[in-house]
Amino acid sequence: MELGFPGLIALLALLMLAVWVSGAAIRTFDRVGEKELRALAVGTLGGIAAMMVHGLMDITAWGTRAAFIPWLVIGLAVALYLETQQVQEGGEWE
């Protein structure tokens, strides 16, 4: 309500992009056999889903002291996706 319709569109786009990059990371890590990174990507996707369900049932965490946690989960999803780009190019995980 505070950010209006443009804020809703931006939030939905951000969450959909985070879900998409998590799914892409899961598929890539499953294909190359990186079980630990695949488990981390599955956990990230589960965290995003839990965040969305929590937002439907209760007030969101965006305006509280724990507001860094959703950004941390989204950042982890993007970092895992960037790692898939390196894996696809034949590089190793550092």
N, C-alpha and C. Protein backbone atom coordinates (compact mmCIF):
# COMPACT_ATOMS: atom_id res chain seq x y z
N MET A 1 0.81 -1.18 0.00
CA MET A 1 0.00 0.00 0.00
C MET A 1 0.86 1.26 0.00
N GLU A 2 2.01 1.19 0.63
CA GLU A 2 2.85 2.39 0.73
C GLU A 2 3.46 2.77 -0.62
N LEU A 3 3.80 1.77 -1.42
CA LEU A 3 4.47 2.06 -2.69
C LEU A 3 3.54 2.06 -3.88
N GLY A 4 2.29 1.67 -3.67
CA GLY A 4 1.30 1.72 -4.73
C GLY A 4 1.46 0.64 -5.77
N PHE A 5 0.80 0.85 -6.88
CA PHE A 5 0.81 -0.13 -7.97
C PHE A 5 2.20 -0.34 -8.58
N PRO A 6 3.00 0.71 -8.79
CA PRO A 6 4.36 0.47 -9.31
C PRO A 6 5.21 -0.37 -8.36
N GLY A 7 5.03 -0.17 -7.05
CA GLY A 7 5.77 -0.97 -6.08
C GLY A 7 5.35 -2.43 -6.12
N LEU A 8 4.05 -2.68 -6.31
CA LEU A 8 3.56 -4.06 -6.43
C LEU A 8 4.14 -4.74 -7.66
N ILE A 9 4.18 -4.02 -8.77
CA ILE A 9 4.74 -4.58 -10.00
C ILE A 9 6.23 -4.88 -9.81
N ALA A 10 6.95 -3.98 -9.19
CA ALA A 10 8.38 -4.19 -8.97
C ALA A 10 8.63 -5.37 -8.03
N LEU A 11 7.86 -5.48 -6.97
CA LEU A 11 8.02 -6.59 -6.03
C LEU A 11 7.71 -7.92 -6.69
N LEU A 12 6.62 -7.99 -7.43
CA LEU A 12 6.28 -9.23 -8.12
C LEU A 12 7.33 -9.61 -9.16
N ALA A 13 7.84 -8.63 -9.88
CA ALA A 13 8.90 -8.91 -10.86
C ALA A 13 10.15 -9.42 -10.17
N LEU A 14 10.51 -8.83 -9.05
CA LEU A 14 11.68 -9.26 -8.30
C LEU A 14 11.52 -10.69 -7.79
N LEU A 15 10.36 -10.99 -7.23
CA LEU A 15 10.13 -12.33 -6.71
C LEU A 15 10.06 -13.37 -7.83
N MET A 16 9.42 -13.03 -8.95
CA MET A 16 9.36 -13.98 -10.07
C MET A 16 10.75 -14.22 -10.64
N LEU A 17 11.56 -13.20 -10.72
CA LEU A 17 12.92 -13.36 -11.20
C LEU A 17 13.74 -14.23 -10.25
N ALA A 18 13.56 -14.04 -8.94
CA ALA A 18 14.27 -14.86 -7.96
C ALA A 18 13.85 -16.32 -8.06
N VAL A 19 12.57 -16.57 -8.28
CA VAL A 19 12.10 -17.95 -8.45
C VAL A 19 12.69 -18.54 -9.72
N TRP A 20 12.72 -17.76 -10.80
CA TRP A 20 13.26 -18.26 -12.07
C TRP A 20 14.74 -18.60 -11.97
N VAL A 21 15.54 -17.71 -11.36
CA VAL A 21 16.98 -17.98 -11.27
C VAL A 21 17.25 -19.15 -10.32
N SER A 22 16.43 -19.31 -9.28
CA SER A 22 16.60 -20.48 -8.40
C SER A 22 16.30 -21.76 -9.15
N GLY A 23 15.24 -21.77 -9.95
CA GLY A 23 14.90 -22.95 -10.75
C GLY A 23 15.99 -23.27 -11.76
N ALA A 24 16.54 -22.24 -12.38
CA ALA A 24 17.62 -22.47 -13.35
C ALA A 24 18.86 -23.03 -12.66
N ALA A 25 19.16 -22.55 -11.46
CA ALA A 25 20.30 -23.06 -10.70
C ALA A 25 20.08 -24.51 -10.31
N ILE A 26 18.87 -24.85 -9.89
CA ILE A 26 18.57 -26.24 -9.53
C ILE A 26 18.77 -27.16 -10.72
N ARG A 27 18.25 -26.78 -11.88
CA ARG A 27 18.39 -27.62 -13.08
C ARG A 27 19.85 -27.77 -13.49
N THR A 28 20.61 -26.68 -13.45
CA THR A 28 22.01 -26.74 -13.86
C THR A 28 22.84 -27.58 -12.91
N PHE A 29 22.69 -27.35 -11.61
CA PHE A 29 23.48 -28.11 -10.64
C PHE A 29 23.08 -29.58 -10.62
N ASP A 30 21.83 -29.88 -10.93
CA ASP A 30 21.40 -31.27 -11.02
C ASP A 30 22.05 -31.95 -12.23
N ARG A 31 22.14 -31.20 -13.32
CA ARG A 31 22.72 -31.76 -14.55
C ARG A 31 24.21 -32.02 -14.41
N VAL A 32 24.94 -31.15 -13.72
CA VAL A 32 26.39 -31.31 -13.60
C VAL A 32 26.79 -32.11 -12.37
N GLY A 33 25.84 -32.47 -11.51
CA GLY A 33 26.13 -33.32 -10.38
C GLY A 33 26.64 -32.60 -9.14
N GLU A 34 26.41 -31.32 -9.01
CA GLU A 34 26.81 -30.56 -7.83
C GLU A 34 25.70 -30.66 -6.80
N LYS A 35 25.74 -31.71 -5.98
CA LYS A 35 24.64 -31.98 -5.05
C LYS A 35 24.53 -30.93 -3.93
N GLU A 36 25.67 -30.45 -3.44
CA GLU A 36 25.62 -29.46 -2.35
C GLU A 36 25.03 -28.14 -2.83
N LEU A 37 25.47 -27.70 -4.02
CA LEU A 37 24.94 -26.44 -4.55
C LEU A 37 23.49 -26.58 -4.96
N ARG A 38 23.11 -27.77 -5.45
CA ARG A 38 21.71 -28.01 -5.78
C ARG A 38 20.85 -27.93 -4.53
N ALA A 39 21.34 -28.51 -3.42
CA ALA A 39 20.59 -28.45 -2.16
C ALA A 39 20.46 -27.00 -1.67
N LEU A 40 21.50 -26.21 -1.85
CA LEU A 40 21.44 -24.80 -1.47
C LEU A 40 20.43 -24.05 -2.34
N ALA A 41 20.39 -24.37 -3.63
CA ALA A 41 19.42 -23.72 -4.53
C ALA A 41 18.00 -24.14 -4.19
N VAL A 42 17.80 -25.40 -3.83
CA VAL A 42 16.46 -25.86 -3.43
C VAL A 42 16.04 -25.15 -2.14
N GLY A 43 16.97 -25.00 -1.20
CA GLY A 43 16.66 -24.28 0.02
C GLY A 43 16.33 -22.82 -0.23
N THR A 44 17.02 -22.22 -1.19
CA THR A 44 16.73 -20.83 -1.55
C THR A 44 15.33 -20.70 -2.14
N LEU A 45 14.98 -21.63 -3.01
CA LEU A 45 13.65 -21.62 -3.60
C LEU A 45 12.59 -21.84 -2.52
N GLY A 46 12.87 -22.74 -1.58
CA GLY A 46 11.94 -22.95 -0.47
C GLY A 46 11.82 -21.73 0.41
N GLY A 47 12.92 -21.02 0.62
CA GLY A 47 12.87 -19.79 1.41
C GLY A 47 12.04 -18.71 0.75
N ILE A 48 12.16 -18.61 -0.56
CA ILE A 48 11.36 -17.62 -1.29
C ILE A 48 9.88 -17.98 -1.22
N ALA A 49 9.57 -19.28 -1.36
CA ALA A 49 8.18 -19.73 -1.26
C ALA A 49 7.63 -19.47 0.14
N ALA A 50 8.43 -19.75 1.16
CA ALA A 50 7.98 -19.51 2.54
C ALA A 50 7.76 -18.02 2.78
N MET A 51 8.62 -17.18 2.20
CA MET A 51 8.47 -15.74 2.33
C MET A 51 7.15 -15.27 1.71
N MET A 52 6.80 -15.83 0.56
CA MET A 52 5.56 -15.42 -0.11
C MET A 52 4.34 -15.91 0.66
N VAL A 53 4.38 -17.14 1.18
CA VAL A 53 3.25 -17.65 1.96
C VAL A 53 3.11 -16.85 3.25
N HIS A 54 4.23 -16.54 3.89
CA HIS A 54 4.18 -15.74 5.11
C HIS A 54 3.58 -14.36 4.84
N GLY A 55 3.90 -13.80 3.69
CA GLY A 55 3.34 -12.51 3.33
C GLY A 55 1.85 -12.55 3.10
N LEU A 56 1.31 -13.72 2.72
CA LEU A 56 -0.14 -13.84 2.56
C LEU A 56 -0.85 -13.97 3.90
N MET A 57 -0.17 -14.61 4.86
CA MET A 57 -0.82 -14.90 6.13
C MET A 57 -0.60 -13.82 7.20
N ASP A 58 0.49 -13.10 7.11
CA ASP A 58 0.85 -12.15 8.17
C ASP A 58 1.46 -10.92 7.50
N ILE A 59 1.82 -9.95 8.31
CA ILE A 59 2.48 -8.77 7.74
C ILE A 59 3.84 -9.18 7.19
N THR A 60 4.27 -8.48 6.21
CA THR A 60 5.54 -8.84 5.59
C THR A 60 6.71 -8.38 6.43
N ALA A 61 7.87 -8.95 6.16
CA ALA A 61 9.08 -8.63 6.91
C ALA A 61 9.82 -7.43 6.33
N TRP A 62 9.27 -6.78 5.31
CA TRP A 62 10.00 -5.72 4.62
C TRP A 62 10.20 -4.48 5.50
N GLY A 63 9.33 -4.24 6.45
CA GLY A 63 9.44 -3.02 7.24
C GLY A 63 9.93 -3.24 8.66
N THR A 64 10.49 -4.40 8.94
CA THR A 64 10.93 -4.71 10.30
C THR A 64 12.45 -4.75 10.36
N ARG A 65 12.96 -5.08 11.55
CA ARG A 65 14.41 -5.18 11.71
C ARG A 65 14.97 -6.38 10.95
N ALA A 66 14.14 -7.35 10.64
CA ALA A 66 14.59 -8.53 9.90
C ALA A 66 14.46 -8.33 8.39
N ALA A 67 14.38 -7.10 7.94
CA ALA A 67 14.15 -6.81 6.52
C ALA A 67 15.33 -7.24 5.65
N PHE A 68 16.50 -7.47 6.23
CA PHE A 68 17.64 -7.89 5.43
C PHE A 68 17.52 -9.36 4.98
N ILE A 69 16.71 -10.15 5.66
CA ILE A 69 16.63 -11.58 5.35
C ILE A 69 16.04 -11.84 3.96
N PRO A 70 14.92 -11.22 3.55
CA PRO A 70 14.46 -11.44 2.18
C PRO A 70 15.50 -11.02 1.13
N TRP A 71 16.21 -9.92 1.39
CA TRP A 71 17.24 -9.48 0.43
C TRP A 71 18.40 -10.47 0.42
N LEU A 72 18.71 -11.06 1.56
CA LEU A 72 19.76 -12.07 1.63
C LEU A 72 19.39 -13.30 0.82
N VAL A 73 18.15 -13.74 0.93
CA VAL A 73 17.69 -14.92 0.18
C VAL A 73 17.69 -14.63 -1.32
N ILE A 74 17.21 -13.47 -1.71
CA ILE A 74 17.20 -13.11 -3.13
C ILE A 74 18.63 -12.97 -3.65
N GLY A 75 19.51 -12.38 -2.86
CA GLY A 75 20.92 -12.26 -3.26
C GLY A 75 21.59 -13.62 -3.41
N LEU A 76 21.26 -14.56 -2.51
CA LEU A 76 21.80 -15.91 -2.62
C LEU A 76 21.31 -16.60 -3.89
N ALA A 77 20.05 -16.39 -4.24
CA ALA A 77 19.51 -16.97 -5.47
C ALA A 77 20.26 -16.44 -6.69
N VAL A 78 20.52 -15.15 -6.71
CA VAL A 78 21.24 -14.55 -7.84
C VAL A 78 22.69 -15.03 -7.88
N ALA A 79 23.32 -15.15 -6.71
CA ALA A 79 24.70 -15.63 -6.66
C ALA A 79 24.80 -17.06 -7.16
N LEU A 80 23.83 -17.89 -6.81
CA LEU A 80 23.84 -19.27 -7.31
C LEU A 80 23.63 -19.31 -8.82
N TYR A 81 22.78 -18.44 -9.32
CA TYR A 81 22.57 -18.38 -10.76
C TYR A 81 23.85 -17.94 -11.48
N LEU A 82 24.55 -16.96 -10.92
CA LEU A 82 25.81 -16.54 -11.53
C LEU A 82 26.84 -17.66 -11.49
N GLU A 83 26.79 -18.48 -10.45
CA GLU A 83 27.69 -19.64 -10.38
C GLU A 83 27.36 -20.65 -11.48
N THR A 84 26.09 -20.78 -11.84
CA THR A 84 25.74 -21.70 -12.92
C THR A 84 26.34 -21.22 -14.24
N GLN A 85 26.45 -19.92 -14.43
CA GLN A 85 27.06 -19.41 -15.65
C GLN A 85 28.53 -19.82 -15.72
N GLN A 86 29.22 -19.77 -14.58
CA GLN A 86 30.62 -20.17 -14.55
C GLN A 86 30.76 -21.67 -14.76
N VAL A 87 29.85 -22.46 -14.18
CA VAL A 87 29.89 -23.92 -14.35
C VAL A 87 29.64 -24.28 -15.81
N GLN A 88 28.73 -23.59 -16.46
CA GLN A 88 28.43 -23.88 -17.86
C GLN A 88 29.59 -23.52 -18.78
N GLU A 89 30.42 -22.54 -18.37
CA GLU A 89 31.58 -22.17 -19.17
C GLU A 89 32.75 -23.11 -18.92
N GLY A 90 32.61 -24.02 -17.98
CA GLY A 90 33.66 -24.98 -17.71
C GLY A 90 34.58 -24.60 -16.58
N GLY A 91 34.30 -23.53 -15.89
CA GLY A 91 35.12 -23.11 -14.76
C GLY A 91 34.78 -23.92 -13.51
N GLU A 92 35.61 -23.78 -12.51
CA GLU A 92 35.36 -24.48 -11.26
C GLU A 92 34.85 -23.51 -10.22
N TRP A 93 34.21 -24.07 -9.23
CA TRP A 93 33.70 -23.26 -8.14
C TRP A 93 34.84 -22.85 -7.23
N GLU A 94 34.91 -21.57 -6.90
CA GLU A 94 36.00 -21.07 -6.06
C GLU A 94 35.60 -21.08 -4.62
